[in-house]
N, C-alpha and C. Protein backbone atom coordinates (compact mmCIF):
# COMPACT_ATOMS: atom_id res chain seq x y z
N MET A 1 77.04 113.00 139.16
CA MET A 1 77.33 111.90 138.24
C MET A 1 77.01 112.28 136.81
N LYS A 2 75.95 113.10 136.67
CA LYS A 2 75.55 113.45 135.31
C LYS A 2 76.54 114.40 134.64
N LYS A 3 77.15 115.30 135.47
CA LYS A 3 78.05 116.30 134.89
C LYS A 3 79.24 115.66 134.17
N PRO A 4 79.95 114.69 134.79
CA PRO A 4 81.06 114.04 134.07
C PRO A 4 80.61 113.38 132.78
N LEU A 5 79.42 112.78 132.81
CA LEU A 5 78.92 112.13 131.60
C LEU A 5 78.64 113.16 130.51
N ILE A 6 78.09 114.31 130.93
CA ILE A 6 77.82 115.38 129.96
C ILE A 6 79.12 115.89 129.36
N ILE A 7 80.12 116.10 130.21
CA ILE A 7 81.43 116.57 129.73
C ILE A 7 82.05 115.56 128.77
N ALA A 8 81.97 114.27 129.16
CA ALA A 8 82.51 113.22 128.29
C ALA A 8 81.80 113.20 126.95
N GLY A 9 80.48 113.40 127.00
CA GLY A 9 79.72 113.43 125.75
C GLY A 9 80.12 114.60 124.88
N ILE A 10 80.33 115.77 125.51
CA ILE A 10 80.75 116.96 124.75
C ILE A 10 82.12 116.74 124.12
N VAL A 11 83.05 116.15 124.90
CA VAL A 11 84.40 115.88 124.39
C VAL A 11 84.34 114.91 123.21
N ALA A 12 83.53 113.85 123.38
CA ALA A 12 83.40 112.86 122.30
C ALA A 12 82.80 113.50 121.05
N ALA A 13 81.81 114.36 121.26
CA ALA A 13 81.20 115.04 120.12
C ALA A 13 82.19 115.97 119.44
N ALA A 14 83.01 116.64 120.25
CA ALA A 14 84.01 117.55 119.70
C ALA A 14 85.05 116.79 118.88
N ILE A 15 85.48 115.64 119.42
CA ILE A 15 86.45 114.82 118.69
C ILE A 15 85.85 114.33 117.38
N ALA A 16 84.60 113.88 117.44
CA ALA A 16 83.92 113.41 116.23
C ALA A 16 83.81 114.53 115.20
N ALA A 17 83.49 115.73 115.68
CA ALA A 17 83.36 116.87 114.77
C ALA A 17 84.69 117.19 114.11
N VAL A 18 85.76 117.12 114.91
CA VAL A 18 87.09 117.39 114.36
C VAL A 18 87.43 116.38 113.28
N LEU A 19 87.15 115.11 113.58
CA LEU A 19 87.46 114.06 112.61
C LEU A 19 86.64 114.20 111.33
N VAL A 20 85.43 114.67 111.47
CA VAL A 20 84.56 114.81 110.30
C VAL A 20 84.92 116.04 109.48
N PHE A 21 85.22 117.15 110.17
CA PHE A 21 85.35 118.42 109.46
C PHE A 21 86.79 118.90 109.29
N SER A 22 87.73 118.39 110.04
CA SER A 22 89.11 118.87 109.96
C SER A 22 89.94 117.98 109.05
N PRO A 23 90.39 118.49 107.90
CA PRO A 23 91.26 117.69 107.02
C PRO A 23 92.54 117.27 107.72
N GLY A 24 93.09 118.17 108.56
CA GLY A 24 94.31 117.82 109.27
C GLY A 24 94.13 116.63 110.18
N ALA A 25 93.00 116.62 110.90
CA ALA A 25 92.73 115.50 111.80
C ALA A 25 92.53 114.22 111.02
N GLN A 26 91.82 114.30 109.90
CA GLN A 26 91.61 113.12 109.07
C GLN A 26 92.93 112.58 108.54
N PHE A 27 93.84 113.49 108.17
CA PHE A 27 95.15 113.06 107.67
C PHE A 27 95.92 112.31 108.75
N VAL A 28 95.92 112.89 109.97
CA VAL A 28 96.66 112.27 111.07
C VAL A 28 96.07 110.90 111.43
N VAL A 29 94.75 110.84 111.56
CA VAL A 29 94.11 109.58 111.93
C VAL A 29 94.29 108.54 110.82
N GLY A 30 94.16 108.98 109.56
CA GLY A 30 94.38 108.06 108.45
C GLY A 30 95.79 107.51 108.45
N GLY A 31 96.76 108.39 108.71
CA GLY A 31 98.15 107.94 108.78
C GLY A 31 98.37 106.96 109.90
N ALA A 32 97.72 107.21 111.05
CA ALA A 32 97.85 106.30 112.19
C ALA A 32 97.27 104.93 111.84
N MET A 33 96.16 104.91 111.11
CA MET A 33 95.53 103.65 110.73
C MET A 33 96.42 102.87 109.75
N VAL A 34 97.04 103.59 108.81
CA VAL A 34 97.97 102.94 107.88
C VAL A 34 99.16 102.36 108.65
N ASN A 35 99.68 103.15 109.61
CA ASN A 35 100.80 102.68 110.40
C ASN A 35 100.44 101.44 111.19
N LEU A 36 99.20 101.41 111.70
CA LEU A 36 98.73 100.23 112.42
C LEU A 36 98.71 99.02 111.50
N GLY A 37 98.29 99.24 110.23
CA GLY A 37 98.30 98.15 109.26
C GLY A 37 99.70 97.61 109.02
N PHE A 38 100.67 98.53 108.90
CA PHE A 38 102.06 98.10 108.74
C PHE A 38 102.49 97.25 109.93
N ARG A 39 102.16 97.71 111.14
CA ARG A 39 102.59 97.01 112.35
C ARG A 39 101.93 95.63 112.47
N MET A 40 100.70 95.52 112.00
CA MET A 40 100.00 94.23 112.07
C MET A 40 100.69 93.19 111.19
N GLN A 41 101.27 93.64 110.07
CA GLN A 41 101.95 92.70 109.18
C GLN A 41 103.42 92.49 109.56
N ASP A 42 104.01 93.50 110.20
CA ASP A 42 105.45 93.53 110.38
C ASP A 42 106.02 92.31 111.10
N HIS A 43 105.30 91.79 112.06
CA HIS A 43 105.83 90.69 112.88
C HIS A 43 105.58 89.31 112.28
N LEU A 44 104.89 89.23 111.13
CA LEU A 44 104.50 87.93 110.56
C LEU A 44 105.64 87.32 109.74
N GLU A 45 106.75 87.04 110.38
CA GLU A 45 107.94 86.55 109.67
C GLU A 45 107.73 85.17 109.06
N GLU A 46 106.88 84.36 109.65
CA GLU A 46 106.70 83.00 109.16
C GLU A 46 105.51 82.86 108.21
N PHE A 47 104.84 83.99 107.89
CA PHE A 47 103.67 83.89 107.03
C PHE A 47 104.06 83.82 105.56
N ASP A 48 104.81 84.78 105.08
CA ASP A 48 105.22 84.83 103.68
C ASP A 48 106.61 85.43 103.57
N LEU A 49 107.31 85.06 102.51
CA LEU A 49 108.62 85.63 102.20
C LEU A 49 109.57 85.56 103.39
N ALA A 50 109.52 84.44 104.14
CA ALA A 50 110.39 84.27 105.30
C ALA A 50 111.84 84.16 104.84
N HIS A 51 112.74 84.46 105.78
CA HIS A 51 114.17 84.43 105.44
C HIS A 51 114.77 83.03 105.51
N GLY A 52 114.00 82.06 105.94
CA GLY A 52 114.54 80.71 106.07
C GLY A 52 114.96 80.11 104.74
N GLU A 53 116.00 79.30 104.76
CA GLU A 53 116.53 78.71 103.53
C GLU A 53 115.59 77.68 102.92
N HIS A 54 114.58 77.27 103.69
CA HIS A 54 113.65 76.26 103.17
C HIS A 54 112.76 76.83 102.07
N LEU A 55 112.67 78.13 101.96
CA LEU A 55 111.86 78.74 100.92
C LEU A 55 112.70 78.92 99.65
N LYS A 56 112.31 78.23 98.59
CA LYS A 56 113.02 78.35 97.33
C LYS A 56 112.52 79.60 96.59
N PRO A 57 113.33 80.17 95.70
CA PRO A 57 112.93 81.38 94.96
C PRO A 57 111.58 81.24 94.26
N GLU A 58 111.30 80.08 93.67
CA GLU A 58 110.03 79.90 92.98
C GLU A 58 108.86 79.97 93.96
N THR A 59 109.07 79.44 95.18
CA THR A 59 108.03 79.50 96.20
C THR A 59 107.76 80.95 96.61
N VAL A 60 108.82 81.71 96.79
CA VAL A 60 108.69 83.13 97.13
C VAL A 60 107.93 83.86 96.03
N TYR A 61 108.27 83.57 94.78
CA TYR A 61 107.61 84.20 93.64
C TYR A 61 106.11 83.89 93.63
N GLN A 62 105.76 82.63 93.84
CA GLN A 62 104.36 82.25 93.83
C GLN A 62 103.59 82.91 94.97
N ARG A 63 104.22 83.01 96.13
CA ARG A 63 103.57 83.67 97.26
C ARG A 63 103.40 85.16 96.98
N LEU A 64 104.37 85.76 96.31
CA LEU A 64 104.25 87.17 95.92
C LEU A 64 103.03 87.37 95.03
N LEU A 65 102.84 86.46 94.07
CA LEU A 65 101.68 86.55 93.18
C LEU A 65 100.37 86.40 93.95
N GLU A 66 100.37 85.49 94.93
CA GLU A 66 99.17 85.31 95.75
C GLU A 66 98.85 86.58 96.54
N GLN A 67 99.87 87.20 97.10
CA GLN A 67 99.68 88.43 97.85
C GLN A 67 99.19 89.55 96.94
N ASN A 68 99.73 89.60 95.73
CA ASN A 68 99.28 90.61 94.77
C ASN A 68 97.80 90.43 94.44
N ALA A 69 97.39 89.17 94.27
CA ALA A 69 95.99 88.90 93.95
C ALA A 69 95.08 89.37 95.08
N LEU A 70 95.48 89.13 96.33
CA LEU A 70 94.70 89.58 97.47
C LEU A 70 94.65 91.10 97.52
N ALA A 71 95.81 91.73 97.32
CA ALA A 71 95.87 93.20 97.36
C ALA A 71 95.04 93.82 96.25
N ALA A 72 95.08 93.21 95.06
CA ALA A 72 94.32 93.74 93.92
C ALA A 72 92.81 93.66 94.18
N LYS A 73 92.37 92.60 94.85
CA LYS A 73 90.95 92.47 95.18
C LYS A 73 90.53 93.58 96.15
N VAL A 74 91.40 93.88 97.11
CA VAL A 74 91.10 94.95 98.05
C VAL A 74 91.03 96.28 97.31
N ARG A 75 91.98 96.53 96.42
CA ARG A 75 92.00 97.79 95.68
C ARG A 75 90.79 97.91 94.76
N GLU A 76 90.33 96.77 94.23
CA GLU A 76 89.14 96.79 93.36
C GLU A 76 87.91 97.23 94.15
N GLN A 77 87.83 96.80 95.39
CA GLN A 77 86.69 97.16 96.23
C GLN A 77 86.82 98.58 96.80
N PHE A 78 88.07 99.02 97.01
CA PHE A 78 88.31 100.34 97.58
C PHE A 78 89.30 101.09 96.70
N PRO A 79 88.83 101.59 95.55
CA PRO A 79 89.74 102.26 94.61
C PRO A 79 90.35 103.53 95.19
N ARG A 80 91.56 103.84 94.75
CA ARG A 80 92.28 105.02 95.21
C ARG A 80 91.97 106.21 94.31
N THR A 81 92.17 107.41 94.84
CA THR A 81 91.96 108.63 94.08
C THR A 81 93.20 108.93 93.24
N PRO A 82 93.04 109.08 91.91
CA PRO A 82 94.20 109.45 91.10
C PRO A 82 94.61 110.89 91.39
N ARG A 83 95.90 111.13 91.51
CA ARG A 83 96.40 112.47 91.79
C ARG A 83 97.60 112.77 90.89
N HIS A 84 97.87 114.07 90.71
CA HIS A 84 99.04 114.43 89.91
C HIS A 84 100.22 114.67 90.84
N PRO A 85 101.34 113.97 90.64
CA PRO A 85 102.49 114.12 91.53
C PRO A 85 103.01 115.56 91.57
N LEU A 86 103.34 116.00 92.78
CA LEU A 86 103.91 117.33 92.99
C LEU A 86 105.36 117.25 93.45
N VAL A 87 105.77 116.05 93.88
CA VAL A 87 107.10 115.85 94.44
C VAL A 87 107.76 114.67 93.72
N ALA A 88 109.05 114.79 93.45
CA ALA A 88 109.85 113.67 92.94
C ALA A 88 110.92 113.35 93.97
N MET A 89 111.00 112.09 94.35
CA MET A 89 112.00 111.66 95.33
C MET A 89 112.94 110.64 94.70
N VAL A 90 114.23 110.84 94.90
CA VAL A 90 115.24 109.87 94.49
C VAL A 90 115.72 109.18 95.75
N VAL A 91 115.50 107.86 95.82
CA VAL A 91 115.74 107.11 97.06
C VAL A 91 116.50 105.83 96.72
N CYS A 92 117.36 105.41 97.63
CA CYS A 92 118.09 104.15 97.46
C CYS A 92 117.10 102.97 97.43
N MET A 93 117.51 101.89 96.78
CA MET A 93 116.65 100.71 96.69
C MET A 93 116.60 99.92 97.99
N ASP A 94 117.31 100.34 99.03
CA ASP A 94 117.33 99.66 100.32
C ASP A 94 115.91 99.41 100.81
N ALA A 95 115.61 98.16 101.14
CA ALA A 95 114.25 97.77 101.53
C ALA A 95 113.82 98.37 102.86
N ARG A 96 114.76 98.84 103.66
CA ARG A 96 114.39 99.42 104.95
C ARG A 96 113.70 100.78 104.80
N ILE A 97 113.82 101.37 103.62
CA ILE A 97 113.20 102.67 103.38
C ILE A 97 111.87 102.46 102.67
N ASP A 98 110.81 102.87 103.30
CA ASP A 98 109.48 102.84 102.70
C ASP A 98 109.06 104.29 102.49
N THR A 99 108.87 104.69 101.24
CA THR A 99 108.62 106.11 100.97
C THR A 99 107.30 106.60 101.54
N GLU A 100 106.30 105.72 101.64
CA GLU A 100 105.04 106.13 102.25
C GLU A 100 105.21 106.41 103.73
N GLU A 101 105.97 105.57 104.41
CA GLU A 101 106.27 105.84 105.82
C GLU A 101 107.15 107.07 105.96
N LEU A 102 108.05 107.26 105.01
CA LEU A 102 108.99 108.39 105.06
C LEU A 102 108.26 109.72 105.11
N VAL A 103 107.21 109.85 104.31
CA VAL A 103 106.47 111.13 104.26
C VAL A 103 105.14 111.06 105.02
N GLY A 104 104.80 109.89 105.56
CA GLY A 104 103.55 109.75 106.29
C GLY A 104 102.33 110.02 105.43
N ASP A 105 102.42 109.65 104.15
CA ASP A 105 101.37 110.02 103.20
C ASP A 105 101.22 108.90 102.18
N THR A 106 100.03 108.34 102.08
CA THR A 106 99.78 107.27 101.12
C THR A 106 99.14 107.78 99.83
N ARG A 107 98.93 109.09 99.73
CA ARG A 107 98.29 109.64 98.53
C ARG A 107 99.27 109.67 97.37
N LYS A 108 98.74 109.84 96.17
CA LYS A 108 99.56 109.67 94.95
C LYS A 108 100.17 110.98 94.49
N TYR A 109 100.83 111.69 95.39
CA TYR A 109 101.45 112.97 95.04
C TYR A 109 102.94 112.85 94.73
N TYR A 110 103.46 111.64 94.64
CA TYR A 110 104.91 111.45 94.61
C TYR A 110 105.37 110.57 93.45
N TYR A 111 106.32 111.11 92.68
CA TYR A 111 107.11 110.25 91.80
C TYR A 111 108.26 109.72 92.64
N VAL A 112 108.62 108.46 92.48
CA VAL A 112 109.73 107.89 93.24
C VAL A 112 110.67 107.18 92.27
N ILE A 113 111.93 107.59 92.30
CA ILE A 113 112.99 106.91 91.54
C ILE A 113 113.86 106.20 92.56
N ARG A 114 113.97 104.88 92.43
CA ARG A 114 114.79 104.10 93.36
C ARG A 114 115.93 103.47 92.59
N THR A 115 117.14 103.75 93.04
CA THR A 115 118.33 103.20 92.41
C THR A 115 119.31 102.75 93.49
N ALA A 116 120.29 101.96 93.11
CA ALA A 116 121.34 101.56 94.04
C ALA A 116 122.12 102.79 94.47
N GLY A 117 122.17 103.02 95.78
CA GLY A 117 122.90 104.17 96.29
C GLY A 117 122.25 105.50 95.95
N SER A 118 121.00 105.46 95.49
CA SER A 118 120.26 106.66 95.04
C SER A 118 121.07 107.47 94.05
N ALA A 119 121.88 106.77 93.24
CA ALA A 119 122.71 107.44 92.23
C ALA A 119 121.93 107.56 90.93
N LEU A 120 122.05 108.70 90.28
CA LEU A 120 121.32 108.97 89.05
C LEU A 120 122.18 108.71 87.82
N ALA A 121 121.52 108.29 86.74
CA ALA A 121 122.15 108.18 85.43
C ALA A 121 121.41 109.14 84.50
N ASN A 122 121.87 109.25 83.26
CA ASN A 122 121.27 110.22 82.34
C ASN A 122 119.78 109.99 82.14
N LYS A 123 119.37 108.74 82.09
CA LYS A 123 117.93 108.48 81.87
C LYS A 123 117.10 108.99 83.04
N GLU A 124 117.63 108.90 84.27
CA GLU A 124 116.91 109.43 85.42
C GLU A 124 116.88 110.96 85.39
N LEU A 125 117.97 111.58 84.91
CA LEU A 125 117.96 113.04 84.78
C LEU A 125 116.86 113.48 83.82
N GLU A 126 116.73 112.75 82.73
CA GLU A 126 115.68 113.08 81.76
C GLU A 126 114.30 112.84 82.37
N MET A 127 114.16 111.79 83.15
CA MET A 127 112.87 111.50 83.77
C MET A 127 112.50 112.59 84.76
N LEU A 128 113.47 113.07 85.53
CA LEU A 128 113.20 114.15 86.47
C LEU A 128 112.83 115.44 85.73
N GLU A 129 113.51 115.71 84.63
CA GLU A 129 113.18 116.90 83.85
C GLU A 129 111.77 116.78 83.28
N LEU A 130 111.40 115.59 82.81
CA LEU A 130 110.04 115.36 82.31
C LEU A 130 109.02 115.55 83.43
N ALA A 131 109.34 115.07 84.63
CA ALA A 131 108.44 115.23 85.76
C ALA A 131 108.23 116.70 86.08
N VAL A 132 109.30 117.48 86.03
CA VAL A 132 109.19 118.93 86.28
C VAL A 132 108.34 119.58 85.19
N ALA A 133 108.55 119.17 83.95
CA ALA A 133 107.74 119.71 82.85
C ALA A 133 106.27 119.38 83.04
N ASN A 134 105.97 118.28 83.75
CA ASN A 134 104.59 117.86 83.99
C ASN A 134 104.02 118.40 85.30
N GLY A 135 104.75 119.29 85.96
CA GLY A 135 104.18 119.96 87.12
C GLY A 135 104.85 119.75 88.46
N VAL A 136 105.86 118.89 88.55
CA VAL A 136 106.58 118.70 89.82
C VAL A 136 107.33 119.99 90.17
N GLY A 137 107.21 120.41 91.44
CA GLY A 137 107.89 121.61 91.88
C GLY A 137 108.89 121.39 92.99
N THR A 138 108.98 120.14 93.47
CA THR A 138 109.92 119.81 94.55
C THR A 138 110.62 118.50 94.21
N ILE A 139 111.95 118.51 94.25
CA ILE A 139 112.74 117.30 94.05
C ILE A 139 113.58 117.07 95.30
N LEU A 140 113.51 115.84 95.83
CA LEU A 140 114.34 115.46 96.97
C LEU A 140 115.35 114.41 96.50
N LEU A 141 116.63 114.72 96.65
CA LEU A 141 117.70 113.79 96.32
C LEU A 141 118.29 113.31 97.64
N THR A 142 118.15 112.02 97.93
CA THR A 142 118.45 111.53 99.27
C THR A 142 119.64 110.57 99.32
N THR A 143 120.20 110.50 100.51
CA THR A 143 121.12 109.43 100.91
C THR A 143 120.55 108.84 102.20
N HIS A 144 121.18 107.80 102.74
CA HIS A 144 120.66 107.25 104.00
C HIS A 144 121.76 106.60 104.80
N THR A 145 121.50 106.40 106.08
CA THR A 145 122.47 105.77 106.97
C THR A 145 122.65 104.30 106.60
N ASP A 146 123.87 103.80 106.86
CA ASP A 146 124.17 102.37 106.69
C ASP A 146 123.89 101.90 105.26
N CYS A 147 124.34 102.69 104.27
CA CYS A 147 124.10 102.38 102.86
C CYS A 147 125.12 101.38 102.34
N ALA A 148 124.68 100.26 101.82
CA ALA A 148 125.58 99.21 101.32
C ALA A 148 126.40 99.70 100.13
N ALA A 149 125.79 100.51 99.28
CA ALA A 149 126.52 101.03 98.11
C ALA A 149 127.65 101.95 98.53
N GLU A 150 127.40 102.80 99.53
CA GLU A 150 128.44 103.69 100.02
C GLU A 150 129.55 102.91 100.73
N LYS A 151 129.16 101.84 101.44
CA LYS A 151 130.17 101.00 102.08
C LYS A 151 131.06 100.34 101.04
N ALA A 152 130.46 99.87 99.94
CA ALA A 152 131.24 99.24 98.88
C ALA A 152 132.24 100.22 98.28
N ALA A 153 131.83 101.48 98.16
CA ALA A 153 132.71 102.49 97.57
C ALA A 153 133.92 102.78 98.46
N LYS A 154 133.83 102.46 99.75
CA LYS A 154 134.92 102.72 100.68
C LYS A 154 135.81 101.50 100.92
N ASP A 155 135.44 100.37 100.34
CA ASP A 155 136.16 99.11 100.57
C ASP A 155 136.91 98.72 99.30
N PRO A 156 138.25 98.68 99.32
CA PRO A 156 139.02 98.36 98.11
C PRO A 156 138.60 97.05 97.45
N ALA A 157 138.35 96.02 98.24
CA ALA A 157 137.96 94.73 97.67
C ALA A 157 136.60 94.83 96.99
N MET A 158 135.67 95.54 97.62
CA MET A 158 134.33 95.70 97.05
C MET A 158 134.38 96.59 95.81
N ARG A 159 135.26 97.57 95.81
CA ARG A 159 135.40 98.45 94.65
C ARG A 159 135.79 97.64 93.42
N ALA A 160 136.67 96.68 93.62
CA ALA A 160 137.11 95.84 92.50
C ALA A 160 136.00 94.89 92.05
N LYS A 161 135.18 94.45 92.98
CA LYS A 161 134.14 93.48 92.67
C LYS A 161 132.92 94.11 92.02
N TYR A 162 132.60 95.37 92.41
CA TYR A 162 131.40 96.04 91.91
C TYR A 162 131.75 97.40 91.30
N PRO A 163 132.51 97.40 90.21
CA PRO A 163 133.02 98.67 89.67
C PRO A 163 131.94 99.63 89.18
N GLU A 164 130.88 99.13 88.57
CA GLU A 164 129.84 100.02 88.05
C GLU A 164 129.08 100.70 89.20
N LEU A 165 128.78 99.92 90.23
CA LEU A 165 128.09 100.47 91.40
C LEU A 165 128.94 101.54 92.06
N VAL A 166 130.21 101.22 92.27
CA VAL A 166 131.12 102.15 92.92
C VAL A 166 131.29 103.42 92.09
N ASP A 167 131.39 103.26 90.79
CA ASP A 167 131.53 104.43 89.92
C ASP A 167 130.32 105.36 90.04
N ALA A 168 129.13 104.77 90.14
CA ALA A 168 127.92 105.58 90.27
C ALA A 168 127.93 106.37 91.57
N VAL A 169 128.37 105.74 92.66
CA VAL A 169 128.45 106.44 93.94
C VAL A 169 129.54 107.51 93.91
N ASP A 170 130.68 107.18 93.30
CA ASP A 170 131.78 108.13 93.22
C ASP A 170 131.38 109.42 92.49
N HIS A 171 130.53 109.28 91.48
CA HIS A 171 130.17 110.43 90.64
C HIS A 171 128.78 110.98 90.96
N ARG A 172 128.23 110.58 92.10
CA ARG A 172 126.87 111.01 92.45
C ARG A 172 126.76 112.53 92.55
N ALA A 173 127.70 113.17 93.23
CA ALA A 173 127.65 114.63 93.37
C ALA A 173 127.81 115.32 92.03
N GLU A 174 128.66 114.78 91.19
CA GLU A 174 128.87 115.34 89.86
C GLU A 174 127.58 115.29 89.03
N VAL A 175 126.88 114.17 89.12
CA VAL A 175 125.63 114.03 88.38
C VAL A 175 124.55 114.94 88.97
N ASP A 176 124.54 115.09 90.30
CA ASP A 176 123.60 116.01 90.94
C ASP A 176 123.77 117.42 90.36
N LYS A 177 125.03 117.85 90.23
CA LYS A 177 125.30 119.18 89.69
C LYS A 177 124.86 119.28 88.23
N ALA A 178 125.00 118.17 87.49
CA ALA A 178 124.55 118.16 86.09
C ALA A 178 123.04 118.34 86.01
N LEU A 179 122.31 117.75 86.99
CA LEU A 179 120.87 117.95 87.02
C LEU A 179 120.53 119.42 87.22
N LEU A 180 121.19 120.05 88.17
CA LEU A 180 120.92 121.46 88.46
C LEU A 180 121.27 122.36 87.29
N ALA A 181 122.21 121.92 86.45
CA ALA A 181 122.67 122.75 85.33
C ALA A 181 121.83 122.59 84.08
N ARG A 182 120.95 121.59 84.05
CA ARG A 182 120.10 121.44 82.86
C ARG A 182 119.27 122.70 82.67
N PRO A 183 119.24 123.25 81.45
CA PRO A 183 118.64 124.58 81.24
C PRO A 183 117.24 124.75 81.82
N MET A 184 116.35 123.80 81.58
CA MET A 184 114.99 123.95 82.07
C MET A 184 114.93 123.89 83.59
N ILE A 185 115.73 122.98 84.17
CA ILE A 185 115.79 122.86 85.63
C ILE A 185 116.34 124.15 86.23
N ALA A 186 117.45 124.65 85.69
CA ALA A 186 118.07 125.87 86.20
C ALA A 186 117.13 127.06 86.10
N LYS A 187 116.38 127.14 85.00
CA LYS A 187 115.46 128.25 84.81
C LYS A 187 114.35 128.23 85.85
N LYS A 188 113.79 127.05 86.11
CA LYS A 188 112.70 126.96 87.07
C LYS A 188 113.18 127.19 88.50
N ILE A 189 114.41 126.76 88.80
CA ILE A 189 114.97 127.07 90.12
C ILE A 189 115.12 128.58 90.27
N ALA A 190 115.61 129.22 89.21
CA ALA A 190 115.84 130.67 89.26
C ALA A 190 114.55 131.46 89.42
N ASP A 191 113.45 131.00 88.79
CA ASP A 191 112.21 131.77 88.89
C ASP A 191 111.34 131.33 90.08
N GLY A 192 111.85 130.38 90.88
CA GLY A 192 111.16 130.00 92.10
C GLY A 192 110.07 128.97 91.95
N SER A 193 109.92 128.40 90.75
CA SER A 193 108.87 127.41 90.54
C SER A 193 109.36 125.98 90.80
N LEU A 194 110.62 125.82 91.18
CA LEU A 194 111.19 124.51 91.48
C LEU A 194 112.23 124.66 92.58
N ILE A 195 112.19 123.74 93.54
CA ILE A 195 113.26 123.63 94.52
C ILE A 195 113.82 122.22 94.48
N VAL A 196 115.14 122.10 94.63
CA VAL A 196 115.81 120.81 94.69
C VAL A 196 116.55 120.76 96.03
N LYS A 197 116.21 119.77 96.84
CA LYS A 197 116.80 119.65 98.17
C LYS A 197 117.58 118.35 98.29
N PHE A 198 118.73 118.44 98.94
CA PHE A 198 119.55 117.27 99.22
C PHE A 198 119.28 116.84 100.66
N MET A 199 118.81 115.60 100.84
CA MET A 199 118.33 115.15 102.13
C MET A 199 119.02 113.85 102.55
N HIS A 200 119.15 113.67 103.86
CA HIS A 200 119.69 112.43 104.41
C HIS A 200 118.63 111.76 105.27
N ILE A 201 118.44 110.46 105.05
CA ILE A 201 117.42 109.69 105.77
C ILE A 201 118.07 108.86 106.87
N ASP A 202 117.57 109.01 108.09
CA ASP A 202 117.96 108.10 109.16
C ASP A 202 117.15 106.83 108.96
N THR A 203 117.81 105.75 108.59
CA THR A 203 117.12 104.52 108.21
C THR A 203 116.29 103.93 109.33
N GLU A 204 116.69 104.14 110.58
CA GLU A 204 115.96 103.57 111.71
C GLU A 204 114.71 104.36 112.04
N THR A 205 114.75 105.69 111.90
CA THR A 205 113.63 106.53 112.34
C THR A 205 112.86 107.17 111.19
N ASP A 206 113.38 107.11 109.96
CA ASP A 206 112.79 107.80 108.80
C ASP A 206 112.88 109.32 108.91
N GLN A 207 113.71 109.82 109.83
CA GLN A 207 113.87 111.27 109.97
C GLN A 207 114.67 111.83 108.80
N LEU A 208 114.15 112.89 108.18
CA LEU A 208 114.84 113.57 107.10
C LEU A 208 115.63 114.74 107.65
N ALA A 209 116.87 114.90 107.16
CA ALA A 209 117.70 116.06 107.53
C ALA A 209 118.28 116.64 106.24
N GLN A 210 118.25 117.95 106.12
CA GLN A 210 118.76 118.59 104.91
C GLN A 210 120.27 118.62 104.88
N LEU A 211 120.85 118.27 103.72
CA LEU A 211 122.28 118.33 103.52
C LEU A 211 122.65 119.70 102.95
N PRO A 212 123.89 120.14 103.13
CA PRO A 212 124.27 121.47 102.67
C PRO A 212 124.43 121.59 101.15
N GLY A 213 124.62 120.48 100.47
CA GLY A 213 124.80 120.55 99.02
C GLY A 213 124.74 119.19 98.40
N PRO A 214 125.19 119.04 97.14
CA PRO A 214 125.15 117.75 96.42
C PRO A 214 125.69 116.62 97.25
N ARG A 215 125.15 115.44 97.02
CA ARG A 215 125.41 114.28 97.87
C ARG A 215 126.80 113.68 97.63
C-alpha cells in the first residue's frame, strides 16, 4: 500500500517541479487557465450584451462600461508585464476571431491591426513600417473562412451597396504587394531581419495555414 502512495507522491512532486521550473509547462498551464476563463464566460448569453431585441443600444453601452470598470479593477490588482511587440498581425474585424486565442498567448508581444476583410490602406502600410522600424520581425497578413467582406465582393447586389468595402477586398493583393515593395520593408526581408507571411484562419478552430502568396 505504501509503494503506490510513494510513487504518487514522486509523480506529484515531479509535476510540481515542472510547473515551477519549466517555462514551457508554465506557458501551457497558463494558457489552459485562460482558456478555462473564456469557457466560463462563453455560455453566459443572458448576463450581458445579449442578442435579444429587448436590449437597447444605450443599455448595451452602459453594461460595457460596467464590465470595463470590473476588468480595470482586476488589472489594477494584478498588473500585466509591459513587453515590446515582436509580431504584427493584420486580422479581419470579425468577432469570431480572438487574437489571443489564435496564438494561445496573452502576453504583449503583438501589434494587431483589425480592418474589414483584413484589407490594408496606406495608413496601415505606414503603421506596419513603423512597427518594423520599432523592432517587429514577423508580419502575418491573414484571411479567414466565412468572411462577410469577401462574400460581399462576390455578390453583385452587395458590390453596389458597399462599394468602398468591395474595392478594398478587390485590391487587397495589390496592396499586399505594395507593402512588400516599400524600400525599408524590402531591405529587411532581403537581409533576413523580417518575414512576411500570408495566412488563412479557420474561423471555427483558429487553425492557421500558410497561403502561397498575397491574399
